[in-house]
């Protein structure tokens, strides 16, 4: 996952999808799409910390997503287990606008 998508830099749809992936613990790495320090700066940690706080997710996810899993992948090792497994997923009922 790209930190800019989590922040909403690429639109609301991409941001909502990122939230869903985090909520279900389906994201394993959040990285930077930094091109330079001015236009797309590498602000991964601040973005992830803010997102985790905003969604009331366990704080142990931040280092796992930004340091522990990437380090394991670069070392050729298996990714460590998620420190905070997701709650069971409950499918939300859709409310269609024509049904109101």
PDB file of N, CA and C in Angstrom:
ATOM      1  N   UNK A   1       0.847  -1.150   0.000  1.00  0.00           N
ATOM      2  CA  UNK A   1       0.000   0.000   0.000  1.00  0.00           C
ATOM      3  C   UNK A   1       0.901   1.224   0.000  1.00  0.00           C
ATOM      4  N   UNK A   2       0.473   2.251  -0.719  1.00  0.00           N
ATOM      5  CA  UNK A   2       1.229   3.497  -0.792  1.00  0.00           C
ATOM      6  C   UNK A   2       0.653   4.474   0.232  1.00  0.00           C
ATOM      7  N   UNK A   3       1.515   5.099   1.007  1.00  0.00           N
ATOM      8  CA  UNK A   3       1.082   6.010   2.064  1.00  0.00           C
ATOM      9  C   UNK A   3       0.202   7.136   1.514  1.00  0.00           C
ATOM     10  N   UNK A   4       0.486   7.617   0.321  1.00  0.00           N
ATOM     11  CA  UNK A   4      -0.316   8.681  -0.274  1.00  0.00           C
ATOM     12  C   UNK A   4      -1.762   8.263  -0.492  1.00  0.00           C
ATOM     13  N   UNK A   5      -1.987   7.021  -0.838  1.00  0.00           N
ATOM     14  CA  UNK A   5      -3.358   6.525  -1.004  1.00  0.00           C
ATOM     15  C   UNK A   5      -4.083   6.497   0.333  1.00  0.00           C
ATOM     16  N   UNK A   6      -3.388   6.113   1.365  1.00  0.00           N
ATOM     17  CA  UNK A   6      -3.961   6.090   2.704  1.00  0.00           C
ATOM     18  C   UNK A   6      -4.323   7.500   3.158  1.00  0.00           C
ATOM     19  N   UNK A   7      -3.515   8.465   2.766  1.00  0.00           N
ATOM     20  CA  UNK A   7      -3.731   9.864   3.127  1.00  0.00           C
ATOM     21  C   UNK A   7      -4.834  10.504   2.292  1.00  0.00           C
ATOM     22  N   UNK A   8      -5.170   9.910   1.145  1.00  0.00           N
ATOM     23  CA  UNK A   8      -6.194  10.466   0.270  1.00  0.00           C
ATOM     24  C   UNK A   8      -5.643  11.242  -0.902  1.00  0.00           C
ATOM     25  N   UNK A   9      -4.345  11.149  -1.149  1.00  0.00           N
ATOM     26  CA  UNK A   9      -3.712  11.885  -2.250  1.00  0.00           C
ATOM     27  C   UNK A   9      -4.203  11.444  -3.620  1.00  0.00           C
ATOM     28  N   UNK A  10      -4.707  10.233  -3.730  1.00  0.00           N
ATOM     29  CA  UNK A  10      -5.120   9.693  -5.025  1.00  0.00           C
ATOM     30  C   UNK A  10      -6.627   9.511  -5.123  1.00  0.00           C
ATOM     31  N   UNK A  11      -7.357  10.220  -4.258  1.00  0.00           N
ATOM     32  CA  UNK A  11      -8.811  10.198  -4.328  1.00  0.00           C
ATOM     33  C   UNK A  11      -9.443   9.446  -3.170  1.00  0.00           C
ATOM     34  N   UNK A  12     -10.706   9.726  -3.005  1.00  0.00           N
ATOM     35  CA  UNK A  12     -11.476   9.154  -1.901  1.00  0.00           C
ATOM     36  C   UNK A  12     -11.680   7.644  -2.062  1.00  0.00           C
ATOM     37  N   UNK A  13     -11.859   7.184  -3.292  1.00  0.00           N
ATOM     38  CA  UNK A  13     -12.068   5.754  -3.507  1.00  0.00           C
ATOM     39  C   UNK A  13     -10.835   4.953  -3.096  1.00  0.00           C
ATOM     40  N   UNK A  14      -9.662   5.415  -3.505  1.00  0.00           N
ATOM     41  CA  UNK A  14      -8.418   4.729  -3.122  1.00  0.00           C
ATOM     42  C   UNK A  14      -8.231   4.768  -1.614  1.00  0.00           C
ATOM     43  N   UNK A  15      -8.564   5.878  -0.996  1.00  0.00           N
ATOM     44  CA  UNK A  15      -8.419   5.996   0.449  1.00  0.00           C
ATOM     45  C   UNK A  15      -9.352   5.032   1.177  1.00  0.00           C
ATOM     46  N   UNK A  16     -10.609   4.972   0.754  1.00  0.00           N
ATOM     47  CA  UNK A  16     -11.552   4.052   1.394  1.00  0.00           C
ATOM     48  C   UNK A  16     -11.106   2.600   1.239  1.00  0.00           C
ATOM     49  N   UNK A  17     -10.566   2.269   0.069  1.00  0.00           N
ATOM     50  CA  UNK A  17     -10.076   0.910  -0.154  1.00  0.00           C
ATOM     51  C   UNK A  17      -8.909   0.608   0.797  1.00  0.00           C
ATOM     52  N   UNK A  18      -8.035   1.569   0.993  1.00  0.00           N
ATOM     53  CA  UNK A  18      -6.920   1.385   1.926  1.00  0.00           C
ATOM     54  C   UNK A  18      -7.417   1.179   3.352  1.00  0.00           C
ATOM     55  N   UNK A  19      -8.431   1.956   3.765  1.00  0.00           N
ATOM     56  CA  UNK A  19      -9.012   1.774   5.093  1.00  0.00           C
ATOM     57  C   UNK A  19      -9.544   0.352   5.243  1.00  0.00           C
ATOM     58  N   UNK A  20     -10.234  -0.105   4.215  1.00  0.00           N
ATOM     59  CA  UNK A  20     -10.816  -1.454   4.258  1.00  0.00           C
ATOM     60  C   UNK A  20      -9.717  -2.509   4.396  1.00  0.00           C
ATOM     61  N   UNK A  21      -8.641  -2.349   3.645  1.00  0.00           N
ATOM     62  CA  UNK A  21      -7.527  -3.298   3.741  1.00  0.00           C
ATOM     63  C   UNK A  21      -6.919  -3.296   5.136  1.00  0.00           C
ATOM     64  N   UNK A  22      -6.761  -2.119   5.725  1.00  0.00           N
ATOM     65  CA  UNK A  22      -6.219  -2.042   7.080  1.00  0.00           C
ATOM     66  C   UNK A  22      -7.166  -2.651   8.098  1.00  0.00           C
ATOM     67  N   UNK A  23      -8.438  -2.321   7.982  1.00  0.00           N
ATOM     68  CA  UNK A  23      -9.418  -2.857   8.922  1.00  0.00           C
ATOM     69  C   UNK A  23      -9.445  -4.381   8.919  1.00  0.00           C
ATOM     70  N   UNK A  24      -9.280  -4.964   7.751  1.00  0.00           N
ATOM     71  CA  UNK A  24      -9.306  -6.431   7.624  1.00  0.00           C
ATOM     72  C   UNK A  24      -7.928  -7.066   7.772  1.00  0.00           C
ATOM     73  N   UNK A  25      -6.909  -6.254   8.002  1.00  0.00           N
ATOM     74  CA  UNK A  25      -5.503  -6.687   8.127  1.00  0.00           C
ATOM     75  C   UNK A  25      -5.029  -7.384   6.852  1.00  0.00           C
ATOM     76  N   UNK A  26      -5.455  -6.880   5.716  1.00  0.00           N
ATOM     77  CA  UNK A  26      -5.044  -7.450   4.434  1.00  0.00           C
ATOM     78  C   UNK A  26      -3.860  -6.695   3.834  1.00  0.00           C
ATOM     79  N   UNK A  27      -3.439  -5.613   4.454  1.00  0.00           N
ATOM     80  CA  UNK A  27      -2.235  -4.892   4.026  1.00  0.00           C
ATOM     81  C   UNK A  27      -1.071  -5.402   4.865  1.00  0.00           C
ATOM     82  N   UNK A  28       0.066  -5.557   4.234  1.00  0.00           N
ATOM     83  CA  UNK A  28       1.230  -6.062   4.949  1.00  0.00           C
ATOM     84  C   UNK A  28       2.398  -5.086   4.934  1.00  0.00           C
ATOM     85  N   UNK A  29       2.394  -4.148   4.012  1.00  0.00           N
ATOM     86  CA  UNK A  29       3.455  -3.145   3.917  1.00  0.00           C
ATOM     87  C   UNK A  29       2.821  -1.825   3.504  1.00  0.00           C
ATOM     88  N   UNK A  30       3.231  -0.759   4.173  1.00  0.00           N
ATOM     89  CA  UNK A  30       2.897   0.588   3.716  1.00  0.00           C
ATOM     90  C   UNK A  30       4.214   1.270   3.416  1.00  0.00           C
ATOM     91  N   UNK A  31       4.360   1.714   2.186  1.00  0.00           N
ATOM     92  CA  UNK A  31       5.613   2.305   1.733  1.00  0.00           C
ATOM     93  C   UNK A  31       5.370   3.687   1.149  1.00  0.00           C
ATOM     94  N   UNK A  32       6.438   4.344   0.802  1.00  0.00           N
ATOM     95  CA  UNK A  32       6.375   5.678   0.230  1.00  0.00           C
ATOM     96  C   UNK A  32       6.424   5.588  -1.290  1.00  0.00           C
ATOM     97  N   UNK A  33       5.727   6.511  -1.911  1.00  0.00           N
ATOM     98  CA  UNK A  33       5.815   6.668  -3.361  1.00  0.00           C
ATOM     99  C   UNK A  33       6.574   7.963  -3.643  1.00  0.00           C
ATOM    100  N   UNK A  34       7.577   8.231  -2.804  1.00  0.00           N
ATOM    101  CA  UNK A  34       8.317   9.489  -2.878  1.00  0.00           C
ATOM    102  C   UNK A  34       9.074   9.608  -4.199  1.00  0.00           C
ATOM    103  N   UNK A  35       8.910  10.769  -4.808  1.00  0.00           N
ATOM    104  CA  UNK A  35       9.654  11.085  -6.021  1.00  0.00           C
ATOM    105  C   UNK A  35      10.726  12.119  -5.708  1.00  0.00           C
ATOM    106  N   UNK A  36      10.436  13.023  -4.799  1.00  0.00           N
ATOM    107  CA  UNK A  36      11.389  14.023  -4.337  1.00  0.00           C
ATOM    108  C   UNK A  36      10.879  14.580  -3.017  1.00  0.00           C
ATOM    109  N   UNK A  37      11.655  15.461  -2.405  1.00  0.00           N
ATOM    110  CA  UNK A  37      11.297  15.978  -1.087  1.00  0.00           C
ATOM    111  C   UNK A  37      10.213  17.041  -1.141  1.00  0.00           C
ATOM    112  N   UNK A  38       9.904  17.583  -2.322  1.00  0.00           N
ATOM    113  CA  UNK A  38       8.936  18.671  -2.413  1.00  0.00           C
ATOM    114  C   UNK A  38       7.558  18.201  -2.865  1.00  0.00           C
ATOM    115  N   UNK A  39       7.463  17.526  -4.004  1.00  0.00           N
ATOM    116  CA  UNK A  39       6.167  17.157  -4.567  1.00  0.00           C
ATOM    117  C   UNK A  39       5.556  15.915  -3.920  1.00  0.00           C
ATOM    118  N   UNK A  40       6.344  14.896  -3.713  1.00  0.00           N
ATOM    119  CA  UNK A  40       5.875  13.674  -3.045  1.00  0.00           C
ATOM    120  C   UNK A  40       6.908  13.268  -1.999  1.00  0.00           C
ATOM    121  N   UNK A  41       6.865  13.923  -0.842  1.00  0.00           N
ATOM    122  CA  UNK A  41       7.867  13.605   0.182  1.00  0.00           C
ATOM    123  C   UNK A  41       7.609  12.252   0.842  1.00  0.00           C
ATOM    124  N   UNK A  42       8.664  11.642   1.367  1.00  0.00           N
ATOM    125  CA  UNK A  42       8.517  10.337   2.023  1.00  0.00           C
ATOM    126  C   UNK A  42       8.011  10.478   3.461  1.00  0.00           C
ATOM    127  N   UNK A  43       6.727  10.702   3.628  1.00  0.00           N
ATOM    128  CA  UNK A  43       6.129  10.911   4.953  1.00  0.00           C
ATOM    129  C   UNK A  43       5.338   9.679   5.389  1.00  0.00           C
ATOM    130  N   UNK A  44       5.971   8.560   5.437  1.00  0.00           N
ATOM    131  CA  UNK A  44       5.270   7.314   5.735  1.00  0.00           C
ATOM    132  C   UNK A  44       4.845   7.219   7.200  1.00  0.00           C
ATOM    133  N   UNK A  45       5.759   7.426   8.115  1.00  0.00           N
ATOM    134  CA  UNK A  45       5.449   7.211   9.527  1.00  0.00           C
ATOM    135  C   UNK A  45       4.352   8.138  10.038  1.00  0.00           C
ATOM    136  N   UNK A  46       4.417   9.410   9.689  1.00  0.00           N
ATOM    137  CA  UNK A  46       3.383  10.352  10.138  1.00  0.00           C
ATOM    138  C   UNK A  46       2.024   9.962   9.567  1.00  0.00           C
ATOM    139  N   UNK A  47       2.006   9.542   8.305  1.00  0.00           N
ATOM    140  CA  UNK A  47       0.754   9.131   7.672  1.00  0.00           C
ATOM    141  C   UNK A  47       0.175   7.890   8.338  1.00  0.00           C
ATOM    142  N   UNK A  48       1.002   6.897   8.573  1.00  0.00           N
ATOM    143  CA  UNK A  48       0.533   5.645   9.176  1.00  0.00           C
ATOM    144  C   UNK A  48       0.077   5.874  10.613  1.00  0.00           C
ATOM    145  N   UNK A  49       0.848   6.632  11.381  1.00  0.00           N
ATOM    146  CA  UNK A  49       0.447   6.915  12.762  1.00  0.00           C
ATOM    147  C   UNK A  49      -0.888   7.647  12.811  1.00  0.00           C
ATOM    148  N   UNK A  50      -1.063   8.617  11.925  1.00  0.00           N
ATOM    149  CA  UNK A  50      -2.323   9.350  11.872  1.00  0.00           C
ATOM    150  C   UNK A  50      -3.490   8.469  11.471  1.00  0.00           C
ATOM    151  N   UNK A  51      -3.272   7.601  10.509  1.00  0.00           N
ATOM    152  CA  UNK A  51      -4.331   6.703  10.040  1.00  0.00           C
ATOM    153  C   UNK A  51      -4.730   5.708  11.120  1.00  0.00           C
ATOM    154  N   UNK A  52      -3.761   5.174  11.805  1.00  0.00           N
ATOM    155  CA  UNK A  52      -4.041   4.196  12.857  1.00  0.00           C
ATOM    156  C   UNK A  52      -4.793   4.853  14.009  1.00  0.00           C
ATOM    157  N   UNK A  53      -4.396   6.065  14.353  1.00  0.00           N
ATOM    158  CA  UNK A  53      -5.099   6.784  15.421  1.00  0.00           C
ATOM    159  C   UNK A  53      -6.525   7.125  14.987  1.00  0.00           C
ATOM    160  N   UNK A  54      -6.693   7.561  13.739  1.00  0.00           N
ATOM    161  CA  UNK A  54      -8.016   7.950  13.238  1.00  0.00           C
ATOM    162  C   UNK A  54      -8.973   6.765  13.197  1.00  0.00           C
ATOM    163  N   UNK A  55      -8.475   5.594  12.917  1.00  0.00           N
ATOM    164  CA  UNK A  55      -9.326   4.406  12.820  1.00  0.00           C
ATOM    165  C   UNK A  55      -9.390   3.623  14.129  1.00  0.00           C
ATOM    166  N   UNK A  56      -8.720   4.111  15.155  1.00  0.00           N
ATOM    167  CA  UNK A  56      -8.663   3.438  16.459  1.00  0.00           C
ATOM    168  C   UNK A  56      -8.141   2.004  16.326  1.00  0.00           C
ATOM    169  N   UNK A  57      -7.136   1.843  15.478  1.00  0.00           N
ATOM    170  CA  UNK A  57      -6.496   0.540  15.301  1.00  0.00           C
ATOM    171  C   UNK A  57      -5.365   0.399  16.319  1.00  0.00           C
ATOM    172  N   UNK A  58      -4.942  -0.807  16.626  1.00  0.00           N
ATOM    173  CA  UNK A  58      -3.856  -1.002  17.595  1.00  0.00           C
ATOM    174  C   UNK A  58      -2.564  -0.331  17.119  1.00  0.00           C
ATOM    175  N   UNK A  59      -1.898   0.359  18.037  1.00  0.00           N
ATOM    176  CA  UNK A  59      -0.674   1.087  17.686  1.00  0.00           C
ATOM    177  C   UNK A  59       0.455   0.146  17.266  1.00  0.00           C
ATOM    178  N   UNK A  60       0.364  -1.125  17.602  1.00  0.00           N
ATOM    179  CA  UNK A  60       1.406  -2.082  17.224  1.00  0.00           C
ATOM    180  C   UNK A  60       1.430  -2.343  15.717  1.00  0.00           C
ATOM    181  N   UNK A  61       0.387  -1.914  15.007  1.00  0.00           N
ATOM    182  CA  UNK A  61       0.370  -2.119  13.560  1.00  0.00           C
ATOM    183  C   UNK A  61       1.375  -1.227  12.825  1.00  0.00           C
ATOM    184  N   UNK A  62       1.609  -0.022  13.322  1.00  0.00           N
ATOM    185  CA  UNK A  62       2.493   0.921  12.629  1.00  0.00           C
ATOM    186  C   UNK A  62       3.902   0.358  12.405  1.00  0.00           C
ATOM    187  N   UNK A  63       4.605  -0.076  13.450  1.00  0.00           N
ATOM    188  CA  UNK A  63       5.943  -0.624  13.200  1.00  0.00           C
ATOM    189  C   UNK A  63       5.910  -1.921  12.389  1.00  0.00           C
ATOM    190  N   UNK A  64       4.852  -2.692  12.544  1.00  0.00           N
ATOM    191  CA  UNK A  64       4.745  -3.938  11.775  1.00  0.00           C
ATOM    192  C   UNK A  64       4.624  -3.639  10.285  1.00  0.00           C
ATOM    193  N   UNK A  65       3.789  -2.664   9.933  1.00  0.00           N
ATOM    194  CA  UNK A  65       3.554  -2.319   8.527  1.00  0.00           C
ATOM    195  C   UNK A  65       4.723  -1.577   7.885  1.00  0.00           C
ATOM    196  N   UNK A  66       5.456  -0.800   8.674  1.00  0.00           N
ATOM    197  CA  UNK A  66       6.489   0.063   8.091  1.00  0.00           C
ATOM    198  C   UNK A  66       7.916  -0.418   8.300  1.00  0.00           C
ATOM    199  N   UNK A  67       8.145  -1.291   9.281  1.00  0.00           N
ATOM    200  CA  UNK A  67       9.516  -1.738   9.537  1.00  0.00           C
ATOM    201  C   UNK A  67       9.673  -3.253   9.557  1.00  0.00           C
ATOM    202  N   UNK A  68       8.859  -3.934  10.375  1.00  0.00           N
ATOM    203  CA  UNK A  68       9.078  -5.358  10.605  1.00  0.00           C
ATOM    204  C   UNK A  68       8.842  -6.210   9.364  1.00  0.00           C
ATOM    205  N   UNK A  69       7.701  -6.032   8.709  1.00  0.00           N
ATOM    206  CA  UNK A  69       7.419  -6.824   7.501  1.00  0.00           C
ATOM    207  C   UNK A  69       8.361  -6.454   6.355  1.00  0.00           C
ATOM    208  N   UNK A  70       8.573  -5.140   6.066  1.00  0.00           N
ATOM    209  CA  UNK A  70       9.514  -4.825   4.984  1.00  0.00           C
ATOM    210  C   UNK A  70      10.917  -5.385   5.239  1.00  0.00           C
ATOM    211  N   UNK A  71      11.398  -5.318   6.478  1.00  0.00           N
ATOM    212  CA  UNK A  71      12.728  -5.844   6.789  1.00  0.00           C
ATOM    213  C   UNK A  71      12.792  -7.352   6.556  1.00  0.00           C
ATOM    214  N   UNK A  72      11.757  -8.061   6.954  1.00  0.00           N
ATOM    215  CA  UNK A  72      11.727  -9.511   6.745  1.00  0.00           C
ATOM    216  C   UNK A  72      11.718  -9.847   5.260  1.00  0.00           C
ATOM    217  N   UNK A  73      10.924  -9.111   4.477  1.00  0.00           N
ATOM    218  CA  UNK A  73      10.858  -9.373   3.038  1.00  0.00           C
ATOM    219  C   UNK A  73      12.194  -9.100   2.361  1.00  0.00           C
ATOM    220  N   UNK A  74      12.859  -8.019   2.756  1.00  0.00           N
ATOM    221  CA  UNK A  74      14.173  -7.705   2.182  1.00  0.00           C
ATOM    222  C   UNK A  74      15.226  -8.737   2.564  1.00  0.00           C
ATOM    223  N   UNK A  75      15.069  -9.332   3.741  1.00  0.00           N
ATOM    224  CA  UNK A  75      16.013 -10.361   4.194  1.00  0.00           C
ATOM    225  C   UNK A  75      15.693 -11.733   3.608  1.00  0.00           C
ATOM    226  N   UNK A  76      14.583 -11.837   2.882  1.00  0.00           N
ATOM    227  CA  UNK A  76      14.199 -13.119   2.298  1.00  0.00           C
ATOM    228  C   UNK A  76      13.521 -14.041   3.296  1.00  0.00           C
ATOM    229  N   UNK A  77      13.073 -13.483   4.402  1.00  0.00           N
ATOM    230  CA  UNK A  77      12.420 -14.287   5.441  1.00  0.00           C
ATOM    231  C   UNK A  77      10.900 -14.164   5.319  1.00  0.00           C
ATOM    232  N   UNK A  78      10.214 -15.017   6.043  1.00  0.00           N
ATOM    233  CA  UNK A  78       8.757 -14.917   6.099  1.00  0.00           C
ATOM    234  C   UNK A  78       8.367 -13.673   6.877  1.00  0.00           C
ATOM    235  N   UNK A  79       7.250 -13.113   6.525  1.00  0.00           N
ATOM    236  CA  UNK A  79       6.740 -11.952   7.254  1.00  0.00           C
ATOM    237  C   UNK A  79       6.312 -12.384   8.651  1.00  0.00           C
ATOM    238  N   UNK A  80       6.608 -11.557   9.654  1.00  0.00           N
ATOM    239  CA  UNK A  80       6.159 -11.903  10.997  1.00  0.00           C
ATOM    240  C   UNK A  80       4.638 -11.841  11.099  1.00  0.00           C
ATOM    241  N   UNK A  81       4.095 -12.550  12.049  1.00  0.00           N
ATOM    242  CA  UNK A  81       2.645 -12.566  12.241  1.00  0.00           C
ATOM    243  C   UNK A  81       2.151 -11.180  12.640  1.00  0.00           C
ATOM    244  N   UNK A  82       0.961 -10.875  12.230  1.00  0.00           N
ATOM    245  CA  UNK A  82       0.342  -9.590  12.562  1.00  0.00           C
ATOM    246  C   UNK A  82       0.151  -9.508  14.079  1.00  0.00           C
ATOM    247  N   UNK A  83       0.585  -8.408  14.696  1.00  0.00           N
ATOM    248  CA  UNK A  83       0.474  -8.307  16.143  1.00  0.00           C
ATOM    249  C   UNK A  83      -0.950  -8.069  16.648  1.00  0.00           C
ATOM    250  N   UNK A  84      -1.833  -7.686  15.754  1.00  0.00           N
ATOM    251  CA  UNK A  84      -3.212  -7.389  16.161  1.00  0.00           C
ATOM    252  C   UNK A  84      -4.160  -7.934  15.108  1.00  0.00           C
ATOM    253  N   UNK A  85      -4.533  -9.208  15.212  1.00  0.00           N
ATOM    254  CA  UNK A  85      -5.434  -9.784  14.213  1.00  0.00           C
ATOM    255  C   UNK A  85      -6.745  -9.009  14.122  1.00  0.00           C
ATOM    256  N   UNK A  86      -7.337  -9.038  12.969  1.00  0.00           N
ATOM    257  CA  UNK A  86      -8.592  -8.326  12.726  1.00  0.00           C
ATOM    258  C   UNK A  86      -9.743  -9.027  13.428  1.00  0.00           C
ATOM    259  N   UNK A  87     -10.711  -8.235  13.776  1.00  0.00           N
ATOM    260  CA  UNK A  87     -11.955  -8.807  14.303  1.00  0.00           C
ATOM    261  C   UNK A  87     -12.667  -9.518  13.158  1.00  0.00           C
ATOM    262  N   UNK A  88     -13.515 -10.471  13.444  1.00  0.00           N
ATOM    263  CA  UNK A  88     -14.262 -11.144  12.370  1.00  0.00           C
ATOM    264  C   UNK A  88     -15.012 -10.120  11.527  1.00  0.00           C
ATOM    265  N   UNK A  89     -14.970 -10.332  10.236  1.00  0.00           N
ATOM    266  CA  UNK A  89     -15.599  -9.389   9.306  1.00  0.00           C
ATOM    267  C   UNK A  89     -17.099  -9.615   9.267  1.00  0.00           C
ATOM    268  N   UNK A  90     -17.836  -8.536   9.410  1.00  0.00           N
ATOM    269  CA  UNK A  90     -19.291  -8.583   9.277  1.00  0.00           C
ATOM    270  C   UNK A  90     -19.663  -7.769   8.063  1.00  0.00           C
ATOM    271  N   UNK A  91     -20.273  -8.412   7.131  1.00  0.00           N
ATOM    272  CA  UNK A  91     -20.662  -7.726   5.904  1.00  0.00           C
ATOM    273  C   UNK A  91     -21.731  -6.687   6.218  1.00  0.00           C
ATOM    274  N   UNK A  92     -21.536  -5.496   5.701  1.00  0.00           N
ATOM    275  CA  UNK A  92     -22.468  -4.397   5.920  1.00  0.00           C
ATOM    276  C   UNK A  92     -23.597  -4.477   4.910  1.00  0.00           C
ATOM    277  N   UNK A  93     -24.810  -4.177   5.366  1.00  0.00           N
ATOM    278  CA  UNK A  93     -25.923  -4.109   4.427  1.00  0.00           C
ATOM    279  C   UNK A  93     -25.788  -2.834   3.603  1.00  0.00           C
ATOM    280  N   UNK A  94     -26.020  -2.970   2.322  1.00  0.00           N
ATOM    281  CA  UNK A  94     -26.001  -1.783   1.457  1.00  0.00           C
ATOM    282  C   UNK A  94     -27.356  -1.120   1.486  1.00  0.00           C
ATOM    283  N   UNK A  95     -27.325   0.167   1.539  1.00  0.00           N
ATOM    284  CA  UNK A  95     -28.561   0.930   1.464  1.00  0.00           C
ATOM    285  C   UNK A  95     -28.582   1.625   0.112  1.00  0.00           C
ATOM    286  N   UNK A  96     -29.444   1.154  -0.711  1.00  0.00           N
ATOM    287  CA  UNK A  96     -29.540   1.710  -2.052  1.00  0.00           C
ATOM    288  C   UNK A  96     -30.390   2.974  -2.004  1.00  0.00           C
ATOM    289  N   UNK A  97     -29.996   3.965  -2.763  1.00  0.00           N
ATOM    290  CA  UNK A  97     -30.676   5.266  -2.721  1.00  0.00           C
ATOM    291  C   UNK A  97     -32.136   5.160  -3.191  1.00  0.00           C
ATOM    292  N   UNK A  98     -32.429   4.247  -4.103  1.00  0.00           N
ATOM    293  CA  UNK A  98     -33.802   4.151  -4.594  1.00  0.00           C
ATOM    294  C   UNK A  98     -34.716   3.446  -3.594  1.00  0.00           C
ATOM    295  N   UNK A  99     -34.169   2.884  -2.528  1.00  0.00           N
ATOM    296  CA  UNK A  99     -34.984   2.163  -1.543  1.00  0.00           C
ATOM    297  C   UNK A  99     -35.401   3.063  -0.376  1.00  0.00           C
ATOM    298  N   UNK A 100     -34.975   4.289  -0.368  1.00  0.00           N
ATOM    299  CA  UNK A 100     -35.295   5.194   0.748  1.00  0.00           C
ATOM    300  C   UNK A 100     -36.643   5.787   0.642  1.00  0.00           C
TER     301      UNK A 100
END
